[in-house]
Amino acid sequence: MKKVFYSLLLILLSLSSKAQENPLLQKLSELEGSEKQVNYVLNLDFPELQENEVIIKLKEKLNSDLNSVIDCVIPYKISESLKLTNEEKQELKKRISKIAEKFSESEYYTIFEFSGGYAPIFGINIKNVKNKQIVVVMLGRDCTKDQTELKAEEIYTVFNDRMDELMNK
């Protein structure tokens, strides 16, 4: 009886630890170099996102599918020079929130962090949070922040907040 119990316990533990692995880590391990890994995450594409009238027009205006993190970050951070309206900027925030939902549905638990200063870190790290492996995309930065960098941090924060909310469910 003890052997059966321990066998079942071992099977349950191995299954539970498998469920907590982040499948994105396997894909990232196949890529060499932090730049390729970071770009892979930033460019993960989710073409099945729903669209509304504003997004359809924005996609045409920007000549972008707006289906990846970077597709939303770049226009948001240079929104002033692109002359985006407040409504268009809000739609980009909603869109990146939807992309965070797609990451979560795929169990690609991911957050973005900035490490400015004298020796900024650019690359991929792993954290264990709430029994889940989280891919931490370290975006580096220099010591100074201009308006575009602040805007980029703002939209990455929308992604991070939504991811955190989904991981807490």
N, C-alpha and C. Protein backbone atom coordinates (compact mmCIF):
# COMPACT_ATOMS: atom_id res chain seq x y z
N MET A 1 0.82 -1.19 0.00
CA MET A 1 0.00 0.00 0.00
C MET A 1 0.86 1.26 0.00
N LYS A 2 1.96 1.22 0.79
CA LYS A 2 2.86 2.36 0.83
C LYS A 2 3.45 2.65 -0.54
N LYS A 3 3.82 1.59 -1.26
CA LYS A 3 4.41 1.77 -2.59
C LYS A 3 3.43 2.43 -3.55
N VAL A 4 2.16 2.03 -3.47
CA VAL A 4 1.14 2.62 -4.33
C VAL A 4 0.96 4.10 -3.98
N PHE A 5 0.90 4.39 -2.69
CA PHE A 5 0.74 5.77 -2.26
C PHE A 5 1.89 6.63 -2.75
N TYR A 6 3.13 6.18 -2.53
CA TYR A 6 4.29 6.96 -2.96
C TYR A 6 4.37 7.07 -4.48
N SER A 7 3.96 6.03 -5.17
CA SER A 7 3.94 6.09 -6.64
C SER A 7 2.94 7.13 -7.12
N LEU A 8 1.75 7.13 -6.53
CA LEU A 8 0.75 8.12 -6.90
C LEU A 8 1.21 9.53 -6.54
N LEU A 9 1.82 9.68 -5.39
CA LEU A 9 2.32 10.98 -4.96
C LEU A 9 3.39 11.48 -5.93
N LEU A 10 4.29 10.60 -6.33
CA LEU A 10 5.34 10.97 -7.28
C LEU A 10 4.75 11.38 -8.63
N ILE A 11 3.76 10.67 -9.09
CA ILE A 11 3.10 11.01 -10.36
C ILE A 11 2.41 12.36 -10.25
N LEU A 12 1.69 12.59 -9.17
CA LEU A 12 1.01 13.87 -8.98
C LEU A 12 2.00 15.04 -8.92
N LEU A 13 3.10 14.85 -8.20
CA LEU A 13 4.11 15.91 -8.12
C LEU A 13 4.73 16.19 -9.48
N SER A 14 5.00 15.17 -10.24
CA SER A 14 5.60 15.40 -11.56
C SER A 14 4.61 16.07 -12.49
N LEU A 15 3.33 15.70 -12.40
CA LEU A 15 2.33 16.36 -13.24
C LEU A 15 2.13 17.81 -12.84
N SER A 16 2.13 18.08 -11.53
CA SER A 16 1.92 19.46 -11.10
C SER A 16 3.11 20.34 -11.46
N SER A 17 4.31 19.80 -11.40
CA SER A 17 5.46 20.61 -11.78
C SER A 17 5.49 20.85 -13.29
N LYS A 18 5.02 19.89 -14.07
CA LYS A 18 4.93 20.07 -15.52
C LYS A 18 3.96 21.18 -15.85
N ALA A 19 2.83 21.25 -15.17
CA ALA A 19 1.81 22.25 -15.45
C ALA A 19 2.32 23.66 -15.16
N GLN A 20 3.34 23.78 -14.32
CA GLN A 20 3.83 25.09 -13.94
C GLN A 20 4.95 25.59 -14.85
N GLU A 21 5.48 24.72 -15.69
CA GLU A 21 6.53 25.15 -16.60
C GLU A 21 5.98 26.11 -17.64
N ASN A 22 6.76 27.07 -17.98
CA ASN A 22 6.38 28.06 -18.96
C ASN A 22 6.85 27.58 -20.33
N PRO A 23 5.94 27.25 -21.25
CA PRO A 23 6.35 26.72 -22.56
C PRO A 23 7.17 27.71 -23.38
N LEU A 24 7.10 28.98 -23.03
CA LEU A 24 7.90 29.98 -23.74
C LEU A 24 9.39 29.76 -23.49
N LEU A 25 9.73 29.24 -22.31
CA LEU A 25 11.13 29.00 -21.97
C LEU A 25 11.78 28.00 -22.93
N GLN A 26 11.04 26.99 -23.33
CA GLN A 26 11.57 26.00 -24.28
C GLN A 26 11.92 26.69 -25.61
N LYS A 27 11.03 27.53 -26.09
CA LYS A 27 11.28 28.23 -27.35
C LYS A 27 12.47 29.17 -27.24
N LEU A 28 12.56 29.87 -26.11
CA LEU A 28 13.67 30.80 -25.92
C LEU A 28 15.00 30.08 -25.79
N SER A 29 15.00 28.89 -25.22
CA SER A 29 16.25 28.13 -25.05
C SER A 29 16.82 27.70 -26.40
N GLU A 30 16.00 27.68 -27.43
CA GLU A 30 16.46 27.29 -28.75
C GLU A 30 17.12 28.46 -29.49
N LEU A 31 17.02 29.66 -28.94
CA LEU A 31 17.59 30.85 -29.58
C LEU A 31 18.90 31.23 -28.91
N GLU A 32 19.87 31.61 -29.71
CA GLU A 32 21.16 32.01 -29.17
C GLU A 32 21.22 33.53 -29.04
N GLY A 33 21.61 33.97 -27.90
CA GLY A 33 21.79 35.40 -27.68
C GLY A 33 20.58 36.10 -27.12
N SER A 34 20.86 37.03 -26.21
CA SER A 34 19.77 37.73 -25.54
C SER A 34 18.96 38.60 -26.49
N GLU A 35 19.60 39.17 -27.50
CA GLU A 35 18.87 40.02 -28.44
C GLU A 35 17.81 39.22 -29.20
N LYS A 36 18.16 38.03 -29.65
CA LYS A 36 17.19 37.19 -30.36
C LYS A 36 16.06 36.76 -29.44
N GLN A 37 16.39 36.46 -28.20
CA GLN A 37 15.38 36.03 -27.24
C GLN A 37 14.40 37.17 -26.93
N VAL A 38 14.93 38.35 -26.66
CA VAL A 38 14.07 39.50 -26.35
C VAL A 38 13.19 39.82 -27.56
N ASN A 39 13.79 39.84 -28.74
CA ASN A 39 13.02 40.14 -29.95
C ASN A 39 11.95 39.10 -30.22
N TYR A 40 12.23 37.84 -29.90
CA TYR A 40 11.23 36.79 -30.07
C TYR A 40 9.99 37.10 -29.24
N VAL A 41 10.20 37.46 -27.98
CA VAL A 41 9.07 37.76 -27.09
C VAL A 41 8.33 39.01 -27.57
N LEU A 42 9.08 40.04 -27.91
CA LEU A 42 8.45 41.28 -28.35
C LEU A 42 7.64 41.11 -29.63
N ASN A 43 8.05 40.17 -30.47
CA ASN A 43 7.40 39.98 -31.77
C ASN A 43 6.43 38.81 -31.82
N LEU A 44 6.17 38.16 -30.67
CA LEU A 44 5.18 37.08 -30.67
C LEU A 44 3.86 37.63 -31.21
N ASP A 45 3.34 36.97 -32.20
CA ASP A 45 2.21 37.48 -32.97
C ASP A 45 0.93 36.71 -32.62
N PHE A 46 -0.14 37.43 -32.37
CA PHE A 46 -1.44 36.82 -32.08
C PHE A 46 -2.47 37.38 -33.07
N PRO A 47 -2.55 36.79 -34.27
CA PRO A 47 -3.41 37.33 -35.32
C PRO A 47 -4.91 37.19 -35.06
N GLU A 48 -5.29 36.39 -34.08
CA GLU A 48 -6.71 36.16 -33.83
C GLU A 48 -7.35 37.22 -32.92
N LEU A 49 -6.67 38.29 -32.65
CA LEU A 49 -7.23 39.36 -31.81
C LEU A 49 -8.43 40.00 -32.49
N GLN A 50 -9.44 40.30 -31.69
CA GLN A 50 -10.63 40.95 -32.24
C GLN A 50 -10.32 42.41 -32.58
N GLU A 51 -11.04 42.90 -33.55
CA GLU A 51 -10.81 44.27 -34.00
C GLU A 51 -12.09 45.07 -33.91
N ASN A 52 -11.91 46.36 -33.70
CA ASN A 52 -13.04 47.28 -33.77
C ASN A 52 -12.71 48.32 -34.84
N GLU A 53 -13.59 49.26 -35.03
CA GLU A 53 -13.41 50.26 -36.09
C GLU A 53 -12.14 51.08 -35.89
N VAL A 54 -11.87 51.47 -34.64
CA VAL A 54 -10.68 52.28 -34.37
C VAL A 54 -9.40 51.49 -34.68
N ILE A 55 -9.37 50.23 -34.28
CA ILE A 55 -8.19 49.40 -34.54
C ILE A 55 -7.99 49.19 -36.03
N ILE A 56 -9.06 48.96 -36.76
CA ILE A 56 -8.95 48.77 -38.21
C ILE A 56 -8.34 50.01 -38.86
N LYS A 57 -8.82 51.19 -38.47
CA LYS A 57 -8.27 52.44 -39.02
C LYS A 57 -6.83 52.65 -38.57
N LEU A 58 -6.56 52.32 -37.32
CA LEU A 58 -5.21 52.48 -36.79
C LEU A 58 -4.23 51.54 -37.49
N LYS A 59 -4.65 50.34 -37.78
CA LYS A 59 -3.80 49.39 -38.50
C LYS A 59 -3.44 49.94 -39.88
N GLU A 60 -4.40 50.55 -40.54
CA GLU A 60 -4.13 51.16 -41.85
C GLU A 60 -3.20 52.36 -41.70
N LYS A 61 -3.47 53.20 -40.73
CA LYS A 61 -2.68 54.41 -40.51
C LYS A 61 -1.22 54.07 -40.21
N LEU A 62 -1.02 53.03 -39.41
CA LEU A 62 0.32 52.66 -38.97
C LEU A 62 0.98 51.61 -39.87
N ASN A 63 0.20 51.06 -40.78
CA ASN A 63 0.69 49.98 -41.65
C ASN A 63 1.26 48.84 -40.80
N SER A 64 0.46 48.42 -39.82
CA SER A 64 0.87 47.39 -38.87
C SER A 64 -0.33 46.53 -38.52
N ASP A 65 -0.06 45.27 -38.20
CA ASP A 65 -1.14 44.37 -37.78
C ASP A 65 -1.54 44.59 -36.32
N LEU A 66 -0.68 45.22 -35.54
CA LEU A 66 -0.93 45.48 -34.12
C LEU A 66 -1.26 44.18 -33.36
N ASN A 67 -0.52 43.13 -33.67
CA ASN A 67 -0.76 41.82 -33.07
C ASN A 67 0.36 41.36 -32.14
N SER A 68 1.33 42.22 -31.89
CA SER A 68 2.43 41.84 -31.00
C SER A 68 2.70 43.01 -30.04
N VAL A 69 3.49 42.72 -29.02
CA VAL A 69 3.82 43.75 -28.04
C VAL A 69 4.51 44.92 -28.73
N ILE A 70 5.51 44.63 -29.53
CA ILE A 70 6.27 45.72 -30.16
C ILE A 70 5.42 46.52 -31.13
N ASP A 71 4.43 45.87 -31.76
CA ASP A 71 3.52 46.58 -32.67
C ASP A 71 2.71 47.65 -31.93
N CYS A 72 2.51 47.46 -30.64
CA CYS A 72 1.77 48.45 -29.85
C CYS A 72 2.70 49.44 -29.17
N VAL A 73 3.87 48.98 -28.73
CA VAL A 73 4.78 49.84 -27.99
C VAL A 73 5.34 50.96 -28.86
N ILE A 74 5.83 50.62 -30.03
CA ILE A 74 6.48 51.64 -30.87
C ILE A 74 5.54 52.79 -31.21
N PRO A 75 4.34 52.53 -31.76
CA PRO A 75 3.48 53.67 -32.06
C PRO A 75 3.04 54.44 -30.81
N TYR A 76 2.87 53.73 -29.69
CA TYR A 76 2.45 54.42 -28.47
C TYR A 76 3.54 55.36 -27.99
N LYS A 77 4.78 54.88 -28.02
CA LYS A 77 5.85 55.72 -27.48
C LYS A 77 6.17 56.91 -28.38
N ILE A 78 5.86 56.82 -29.66
CA ILE A 78 6.07 57.98 -30.55
C ILE A 78 4.72 58.55 -31.00
N SER A 79 3.73 58.40 -30.16
CA SER A 79 2.37 58.82 -30.51
C SER A 79 2.28 60.31 -30.82
N GLU A 80 3.10 61.11 -30.17
CA GLU A 80 3.06 62.56 -30.43
C GLU A 80 3.49 62.85 -31.86
N SER A 81 4.58 62.25 -32.30
CA SER A 81 5.05 62.51 -33.66
C SER A 81 4.14 61.87 -34.71
N LEU A 82 3.45 60.80 -34.34
CA LEU A 82 2.47 60.18 -35.25
C LEU A 82 1.13 60.89 -35.22
N LYS A 83 1.00 61.82 -34.29
CA LYS A 83 -0.25 62.58 -34.11
C LYS A 83 -1.44 61.65 -33.85
N LEU A 84 -1.23 60.70 -32.94
CA LEU A 84 -2.33 59.80 -32.57
C LEU A 84 -3.27 60.53 -31.62
N THR A 85 -4.54 60.25 -31.79
CA THR A 85 -5.55 60.85 -30.92
C THR A 85 -5.55 60.12 -29.57
N ASN A 86 -6.20 60.72 -28.59
CA ASN A 86 -6.34 60.05 -27.29
C ASN A 86 -7.07 58.73 -27.44
N GLU A 87 -8.07 58.70 -28.31
CA GLU A 87 -8.83 57.46 -28.54
C GLU A 87 -7.92 56.38 -29.12
N GLU A 88 -7.06 56.75 -30.05
CA GLU A 88 -6.15 55.78 -30.65
C GLU A 88 -5.14 55.27 -29.63
N LYS A 89 -4.65 56.16 -28.77
CA LYS A 89 -3.71 55.74 -27.72
C LYS A 89 -4.40 54.79 -26.73
N GLN A 90 -5.65 55.08 -26.39
CA GLN A 90 -6.39 54.20 -25.50
C GLN A 90 -6.60 52.82 -26.13
N GLU A 91 -6.84 52.81 -27.42
CA GLU A 91 -7.02 51.53 -28.14
C GLU A 91 -5.72 50.72 -28.14
N LEU A 92 -4.59 51.39 -28.25
CA LEU A 92 -3.30 50.68 -28.18
C LEU A 92 -3.11 50.06 -26.80
N LYS A 93 -3.53 50.78 -25.76
CA LYS A 93 -3.45 50.23 -24.41
C LYS A 93 -4.38 49.01 -24.26
N LYS A 94 -5.57 49.12 -24.81
CA LYS A 94 -6.51 47.98 -24.76
C LYS A 94 -5.94 46.80 -25.53
N ARG A 95 -5.32 47.10 -26.67
CA ARG A 95 -4.76 46.06 -27.53
C ARG A 95 -3.63 45.32 -26.82
N ILE A 96 -2.76 46.05 -26.15
CA ILE A 96 -1.65 45.38 -25.47
C ILE A 96 -2.16 44.58 -24.27
N SER A 97 -3.26 45.02 -23.68
CA SER A 97 -3.89 44.25 -22.61
C SER A 97 -4.43 42.93 -23.16
N LYS A 98 -5.00 42.98 -24.35
CA LYS A 98 -5.50 41.75 -25.01
C LYS A 98 -4.35 40.83 -25.36
N ILE A 99 -3.22 41.40 -25.76
CA ILE A 99 -2.04 40.58 -26.07
C ILE A 99 -1.54 39.90 -24.79
N ALA A 100 -1.58 40.60 -23.67
CA ALA A 100 -1.21 39.99 -22.39
C ALA A 100 -2.14 38.81 -22.08
N GLU A 101 -3.41 38.95 -22.41
CA GLU A 101 -4.36 37.85 -22.20
C GLU A 101 -3.98 36.65 -23.06
N LYS A 102 -3.55 36.89 -24.28
CA LYS A 102 -3.14 35.80 -25.17
C LYS A 102 -1.87 35.12 -24.65
N PHE A 103 -0.94 35.92 -24.13
CA PHE A 103 0.25 35.34 -23.51
C PHE A 103 -0.18 34.41 -22.38
N SER A 104 -1.08 34.89 -21.54
CA SER A 104 -1.54 34.11 -20.39
C SER A 104 -2.27 32.85 -20.82
N GLU A 105 -3.13 32.96 -21.81
CA GLU A 105 -3.85 31.78 -22.31
C GLU A 105 -2.88 30.71 -22.82
N SER A 106 -1.76 31.14 -23.37
CA SER A 106 -0.74 30.22 -23.87
C SER A 106 0.21 29.77 -22.75
N GLU A 107 -0.03 30.26 -21.53
CA GLU A 107 0.82 30.02 -20.37
C GLU A 107 2.22 30.56 -20.58
N TYR A 108 2.33 31.61 -21.39
CA TYR A 108 3.58 32.33 -21.61
C TYR A 108 3.64 33.47 -20.60
N TYR A 109 3.70 33.14 -19.32
CA TYR A 109 3.69 34.16 -18.29
C TYR A 109 4.95 35.02 -18.43
N THR A 110 4.74 36.29 -18.67
CA THR A 110 5.83 37.20 -19.02
C THR A 110 5.60 38.57 -18.41
N ILE A 111 6.67 39.18 -17.97
CA ILE A 111 6.63 40.59 -17.57
C ILE A 111 7.84 41.29 -18.18
N PHE A 112 7.73 42.60 -18.28
CA PHE A 112 8.81 43.41 -18.82
C PHE A 112 9.35 44.29 -17.71
N GLU A 113 10.68 44.37 -17.62
CA GLU A 113 11.32 45.19 -16.60
C GLU A 113 12.36 46.08 -17.24
N PHE A 114 12.61 47.21 -16.59
CA PHE A 114 13.61 48.17 -17.05
C PHE A 114 14.72 48.22 -16.03
N SER A 115 15.92 48.25 -16.50
CA SER A 115 17.06 48.35 -15.60
C SER A 115 17.99 49.42 -16.13
N GLY A 116 17.70 50.62 -15.79
CA GLY A 116 18.53 51.72 -16.24
C GLY A 116 19.75 51.87 -15.36
N GLY A 117 20.53 52.86 -15.66
CA GLY A 117 21.69 53.13 -14.83
C GLY A 117 22.99 52.82 -15.54
N TYR A 118 24.03 52.68 -14.75
CA TYR A 118 25.38 52.52 -15.26
C TYR A 118 25.58 51.21 -16.03
N ALA A 119 24.96 50.14 -15.57
CA ALA A 119 25.12 48.84 -16.22
C ALA A 119 23.74 48.19 -16.41
N PRO A 120 22.96 48.68 -17.36
CA PRO A 120 21.63 48.12 -17.56
C PRO A 120 21.70 46.69 -18.09
N ILE A 121 20.69 45.91 -17.75
CA ILE A 121 20.64 44.52 -18.16
C ILE A 121 19.65 44.38 -19.31
N PHE A 122 20.08 43.72 -20.35
CA PHE A 122 19.24 43.45 -21.51
C PHE A 122 19.26 41.95 -21.73
N GLY A 123 18.11 41.30 -21.63
CA GLY A 123 18.06 39.86 -21.82
C GLY A 123 16.86 39.25 -21.14
N ILE A 124 16.93 37.95 -20.97
CA ILE A 124 15.84 37.18 -20.39
C ILE A 124 16.26 36.63 -19.04
N ASN A 125 15.35 36.70 -18.10
CA ASN A 125 15.55 36.14 -16.77
C ASN A 125 14.31 35.32 -16.44
N ILE A 126 14.39 34.56 -15.37
CA ILE A 126 13.25 33.73 -14.95
C ILE A 126 13.00 33.99 -13.48
N LYS A 127 11.73 34.17 -13.13
CA LYS A 127 11.31 34.30 -11.73
C LYS A 127 10.24 33.26 -11.48
N ASN A 128 10.17 32.80 -10.26
CA ASN A 128 9.07 31.95 -9.85
C ASN A 128 8.15 32.80 -8.98
N VAL A 129 6.93 32.98 -9.46
CA VAL A 129 5.94 33.78 -8.75
C VAL A 129 4.66 32.98 -8.67
N LYS A 130 4.15 32.84 -7.46
CA LYS A 130 2.89 32.13 -7.25
C LYS A 130 2.90 30.77 -7.94
N ASN A 131 4.01 30.07 -7.78
CA ASN A 131 4.16 28.71 -8.30
C ASN A 131 4.11 28.66 -9.83
N LYS A 132 4.47 29.76 -10.49
CA LYS A 132 4.54 29.81 -11.95
C LYS A 132 5.90 30.35 -12.35
N GLN A 133 6.43 29.80 -13.44
CA GLN A 133 7.67 30.34 -13.98
C GLN A 133 7.33 31.55 -14.85
N ILE A 134 7.94 32.66 -14.54
CA ILE A 134 7.69 33.91 -15.26
C ILE A 134 8.93 34.26 -16.08
N VAL A 135 8.72 34.52 -17.36
CA VAL A 135 9.79 35.03 -18.20
C VAL A 135 9.86 36.53 -17.95
N VAL A 136 11.02 36.99 -17.51
CA VAL A 136 11.24 38.41 -17.27
C VAL A 136 12.09 38.94 -18.42
N VAL A 137 11.51 39.84 -19.18
CA VAL A 137 12.22 40.44 -20.29
C VAL A 137 12.84 41.74 -19.78
N MET A 138 14.15 41.72 -19.65
CA MET A 138 14.90 42.88 -19.16
C MET A 138 15.23 43.75 -20.36
N LEU A 139 14.70 44.97 -20.37
CA LEU A 139 14.81 45.83 -21.55
C LEU A 139 15.95 46.83 -21.46
N GLY A 140 16.70 46.81 -20.37
CA GLY A 140 17.81 47.74 -20.26
C GLY A 140 17.34 49.18 -20.38
N ARG A 141 18.15 50.11 -20.44
CA ARG A 141 17.92 51.53 -20.67
C ARG A 141 19.18 52.24 -20.22
N ASP A 142 19.29 53.50 -20.56
CA ASP A 142 20.42 54.25 -20.04
C ASP A 142 19.97 55.07 -18.83
N CYS A 143 20.81 55.94 -18.39
CA CYS A 143 20.54 56.70 -17.16
C CYS A 143 19.42 57.72 -17.32
N THR A 144 19.26 58.23 -18.51
CA THR A 144 18.27 59.29 -18.71
C THR A 144 17.02 58.73 -19.37
N LYS A 145 15.91 59.40 -19.09
CA LYS A 145 14.65 59.00 -19.69
C LYS A 145 14.03 60.23 -20.35
N ASP A 146 13.69 60.07 -21.61
CA ASP A 146 12.98 61.15 -22.29
C ASP A 146 11.49 60.78 -22.37
N GLN A 147 10.72 61.63 -22.99
CA GLN A 147 9.27 61.42 -23.08
C GLN A 147 8.92 60.09 -23.76
N THR A 148 9.66 59.73 -24.81
CA THR A 148 9.34 58.47 -25.51
C THR A 148 9.61 57.26 -24.62
N GLU A 149 10.67 57.31 -23.82
CA GLU A 149 10.96 56.20 -22.91
C GLU A 149 9.89 56.10 -21.82
N LEU A 150 9.43 57.24 -21.33
CA LEU A 150 8.36 57.23 -20.33
C LEU A 150 7.07 56.66 -20.92
N LYS A 151 6.79 57.00 -22.17
CA LYS A 151 5.59 56.46 -22.84
C LYS A 151 5.73 54.95 -23.04
N ALA A 152 6.93 54.50 -23.39
CA ALA A 152 7.15 53.05 -23.55
C ALA A 152 6.92 52.34 -22.22
N GLU A 153 7.46 52.88 -21.15
CA GLU A 153 7.26 52.27 -19.83
C GLU A 153 5.78 52.25 -19.47
N GLU A 154 5.06 53.28 -19.85
CA GLU A 154 3.62 53.37 -19.56
C GLU A 154 2.86 52.21 -20.20
N ILE A 155 3.15 51.92 -21.46
CA ILE A 155 2.39 50.87 -22.14
C ILE A 155 2.87 49.47 -21.71
N TYR A 156 4.17 49.32 -21.41
CA TYR A 156 4.64 48.03 -20.86
C TYR A 156 3.98 47.78 -19.51
N THR A 157 3.75 48.84 -18.75
CA THR A 157 3.09 48.70 -17.45
C THR A 157 1.66 48.19 -17.63
N VAL A 158 0.98 48.61 -18.68
CA VAL A 158 -0.37 48.11 -18.96
C VAL A 158 -0.31 46.59 -19.16
N PHE A 159 0.67 46.13 -19.94
CA PHE A 159 0.85 44.69 -20.16
C PHE A 159 1.13 43.99 -18.83
N ASN A 160 2.10 44.51 -18.06
CA ASN A 160 2.48 43.88 -16.79
C ASN A 160 1.32 43.82 -15.81
N ASP A 161 0.56 44.90 -15.72
CA ASP A 161 -0.57 44.93 -14.79
C ASP A 161 -1.62 43.88 -15.17
N ARG A 162 -1.88 43.77 -16.47
CA ARG A 162 -2.87 42.77 -16.91
C ARG A 162 -2.35 41.36 -16.68
N MET A 163 -1.08 41.13 -16.96
CA MET A 163 -0.48 39.81 -16.72
C MET A 163 -0.54 39.46 -15.24
N ASP A 164 -0.22 40.41 -14.39
CA ASP A 164 -0.27 40.18 -12.95
C ASP A 164 -1.70 39.84 -12.52
N GLU A 165 -2.66 40.56 -13.04
CA GLU A 165 -4.06 40.31 -12.74
C GLU A 165 -4.47 38.89 -13.16
N LEU A 166 -4.04 38.47 -14.33
CA LEU A 166 -4.40 37.14 -14.84
C LEU A 166 -3.70 36.03 -14.06
N MET A 167 -2.49 36.28 -13.62
CA MET A 167 -1.76 35.26 -12.84
C MET A 167 -2.35 35.09 -11.45
N ASN A 168 -3.04 36.12 -10.96
CA ASN A 168 -3.62 36.06 -9.63
C ASN A 168 -4.99 35.40 -9.60
N LYS A 169 -5.52 35.06 -10.76
CA LYS A 169 -6.85 34.43 -10.81
C LYS A 169 -6.78 33.00 -10.37
